Amino acid sequence: MKTQNDDRVPDADELRPHYEFDYSKAKPNRFAGRFSEETIAVVLDPDVAAVFTTSEEANQALRVLIDALGNLAETPDLLDKVKTSTATAASSQS
């Protein structure tokens, strides 16, 4: 006879104490060859991704921004303003 606990479905965020993985069935990462050691992946918000559809477009726009801002190391107050405005824009998007 089943008890009520046997029918219980674990919560999605509940972890089991131990998991058994069969690594013999694992497949190689098919995307690993696309990135070099120096590559950094960045997730864009949907509104930004709609404008920059390729990494080349995003990189070009960021390089223009970097040139426009000049050397941020020499102007830390400008860097703080950029970070503050970016954080404000991000919070207003949510």
C-alpha atoms as a PDB file:
ATOM      1  CA  MET A   1       0.000   0.000   0.000  1.00  0.00           C
ATOM      2  CA  LYS A   2       1.350   3.403  -1.000  1.00  0.00           C
ATOM      3  CA  THR A   3       1.644   6.140   1.523  1.00  0.00           C
ATOM      4  CA  GLN A   4       0.993   9.757   0.773  1.00  0.00           C
ATOM      5  CA  ASN A   5       4.749  10.491   0.674  1.00  0.00           C
ATOM      6  CA  ASP A   6       5.273   8.012  -2.181  1.00  0.00           C
ATOM      7  CA  ASP A   7       3.052  10.086  -4.481  1.00  0.00           C
ATOM      8  CA  ARG A   8       4.811  13.318  -3.636  1.00  0.00           C
ATOM      9  CA  VAL A   9       6.371  15.163  -6.587  1.00  0.00           C
ATOM     10  CA  PRO A  10       9.605  16.913  -5.573  1.00  0.00           C
ATOM     11  CA  ASP A  11       9.735  20.671  -5.939  1.00  0.00           C
ATOM     12  CA  ALA A  12      11.594  21.970  -8.971  1.00  0.00           C
ATOM     13  CA  ASP A  13      14.254  23.590  -6.783  1.00  0.00           C
ATOM     14  CA  GLU A  14      14.673  20.560  -4.503  1.00  0.00           C
ATOM     15  CA  LEU A  15      17.944  18.695  -4.981  1.00  0.00           C
ATOM     16  CA  ARG A  16      18.471  15.031  -4.384  1.00  0.00           C
ATOM     17  CA  PRO A  17      21.383  14.016  -2.178  1.00  0.00           C
ATOM     18  CA  HIS A  18      23.049  12.077  -4.999  1.00  0.00           C
ATOM     19  CA  TYR A  19      22.724  11.796  -8.784  1.00  0.00           C
ATOM     20  CA  GLU A  20      24.003   9.054 -11.062  1.00  0.00           C
ATOM     21  CA  PHE A  21      25.185  10.268 -14.468  1.00  0.00           C
ATOM     22  CA  ASP A  22      26.039   7.916 -17.298  1.00  0.00           C
ATOM     23  CA  TYR A  23      28.854   9.845 -18.985  1.00  0.00           C
ATOM     24  CA  SER A  24      29.253   7.104 -21.588  1.00  0.00           C
ATOM     25  CA  LYS A  25      26.120   8.538 -23.254  1.00  0.00           C
ATOM     26  CA  ALA A  26      27.437  12.121 -23.231  1.00  0.00           C
ATOM     27  CA  LYS A  27      27.927  13.898 -26.544  1.00  0.00           C
ATOM     28  CA  PRO A  28      30.711  16.385 -27.328  1.00  0.00           C
ATOM     29  CA  ASN A  29      29.776  20.042 -27.255  1.00  0.00           C
ATOM     30  CA  ARG A  30      29.013  20.834 -30.889  1.00  0.00           C
ATOM     31  CA  PHE A  31      29.435  24.568 -30.288  1.00  0.00           C
ATOM     32  CA  ALA A  32      32.837  24.427 -28.584  1.00  0.00           C
ATOM     33  CA  GLY A  33      34.785  24.832 -31.830  1.00  0.00           C
ATOM     34  CA  ARG A  34      33.132  28.181 -32.574  1.00  0.00           C
ATOM     35  CA  PHE A  35      34.916  29.976 -29.759  1.00  0.00           C
ATOM     36  CA  SER A  36      38.581  30.612 -29.185  1.00  0.00           C
ATOM     37  CA  GLU A  37      40.248  30.772 -25.771  1.00  0.00           C
ATOM     38  CA  GLU A  38      39.932  34.588 -25.761  1.00  0.00           C
ATOM     39  CA  THR A  39      36.208  34.640 -26.571  1.00  0.00           C
ATOM     40  CA  ILE A  40      33.825  36.015 -23.982  1.00  0.00           C
ATOM     41  CA  ALA A  41      30.118  35.322 -24.401  1.00  0.00           C
ATOM     42  CA  VAL A  42      27.741  38.135 -23.477  1.00  0.00           C
ATOM     43  CA  VAL A  43      23.964  37.856 -23.283  1.00  0.00           C
ATOM     44  CA  LEU A  44      22.148  40.815 -24.820  1.00  0.00           C
ATOM     45  CA  ASP A  45      18.718  41.997 -23.760  1.00  0.00           C
ATOM     46  CA  PRO A  46      16.108  41.418 -26.476  1.00  0.00           C
ATOM     47  CA  ASP A  47      15.834  45.113 -27.384  1.00  0.00           C
ATOM     48  CA  VAL A  48      19.607  45.379 -27.849  1.00  0.00           C
ATOM     49  CA  ALA A  49      19.786  42.088 -29.761  1.00  0.00           C
ATOM     50  CA  ALA A  50      17.143  43.410 -32.157  1.00  0.00           C
ATOM     51  CA  VAL A  51      19.509  46.243 -33.124  1.00  0.00           C
ATOM     52  CA  PHE A  52      22.785  44.291 -33.150  1.00  0.00           C
ATOM     53  CA  THR A  53      22.069  41.054 -34.963  1.00  0.00           C
ATOM     54  CA  THR A  54      25.719  40.009 -35.373  1.00  0.00           C
ATOM     55  CA  SER A  55      28.734  40.102 -33.107  1.00  0.00           C
ATOM     56  CA  GLU A  56      30.526  42.276 -35.679  1.00  0.00           C
ATOM     57  CA  GLU A  57      27.828  44.969 -35.409  1.00  0.00           C
ATOM     58  CA  ALA A  58      27.919  44.906 -31.604  1.00  0.00           C
ATOM     59  CA  ASN A  59      31.729  45.020 -31.524  1.00  0.00           C
ATOM     60  CA  GLN A  60      31.850  47.943 -33.981  1.00  0.00           C
ATOM     61  CA  ALA A  61      29.328  49.938 -31.930  1.00  0.00           C
ATOM     62  CA  LEU A  62      31.222  49.225 -28.714  1.00  0.00           C
ATOM     63  CA  ARG A  63      34.518  50.300 -30.296  1.00  0.00           C
ATOM     64  CA  VAL A  64      32.908  53.578 -31.402  1.00  0.00           C
ATOM     65  CA  LEU A  65      31.636  54.088 -27.847  1.00  0.00           C
ATOM     66  CA  ILE A  66      35.073  53.344 -26.413  1.00  0.00           C
ATOM     67  CA  ASP A  67      36.677  55.864 -28.787  1.00  0.00           C
ATOM     68  CA  ALA A  68      34.035  58.478 -27.968  1.00  0.00           C
ATOM     69  CA  LEU A  69      34.533  58.099 -24.242  1.00  0.00           C
ATOM     70  CA  GLY A  70      38.299  58.222 -24.518  1.00  0.00           C
ATOM     71  CA  ASN A  71      40.460  56.626 -21.902  1.00  0.00           C
ATOM     72  CA  LEU A  72      38.178  55.892 -18.966  1.00  0.00           C
ATOM     73  CA  ALA A  73      41.154  55.135 -16.744  1.00  0.00           C
ATOM     74  CA  GLU A  74      42.081  58.834 -16.889  1.00  0.00           C
ATOM     75  CA  THR A  75      38.520  59.941 -16.096  1.00  0.00           C
ATOM     76  CA  PRO A  76      37.109  57.657 -13.378  1.00  0.00           C
ATOM     77  CA  ASP A  77      34.209  60.060 -12.723  1.00  0.00           C
ATOM     78  CA  LEU A  78      33.050  59.568 -16.329  1.00  0.00           C
ATOM     79  CA  LEU A  79      33.255  55.812 -15.873  1.00  0.00           C
ATOM     80  CA  ASP A  80      31.048  56.116 -12.779  1.00  0.00           C
ATOM     81  CA  LYS A  81      28.521  58.169 -14.780  1.00  0.00           C
ATOM     82  CA  VAL A  82      28.452  55.555 -17.546  1.00  0.00           C
ATOM     83  CA  LYS A  83      27.955  52.725 -15.039  1.00  0.00           C
ATOM     84  CA  THR A  84      25.199  54.672 -13.245  1.00  0.00           C
ATOM     85  CA  SER A  85      23.347  55.515 -16.448  1.00  0.00           C
ATOM     86  CA  THR A  86      23.665  51.923 -17.645  1.00  0.00           C
ATOM     87  CA  ALA A  87      22.290  50.582 -14.354  1.00  0.00           C
ATOM     88  CA  THR A  88      19.451  53.109 -14.464  1.00  0.00           C
ATOM     89  CA  ALA A  89      18.578  52.172 -18.045  1.00  0.00           C
ATOM     90  CA  ALA A  90      18.668  48.471 -17.208  1.00  0.00           C
ATOM     91  CA  SER A  91      16.369  48.886 -14.217  1.00  0.00           C
ATOM     92  CA  SER A  92      13.870  50.918 -16.242  1.00  0.00           C
ATOM     93  CA  GLN A  93      13.792  48.154 -18.898  1.00  0.00           C
ATOM     94  CA  SER A  94      12.679  45.513 -16.379  1.00  0.00           C
END
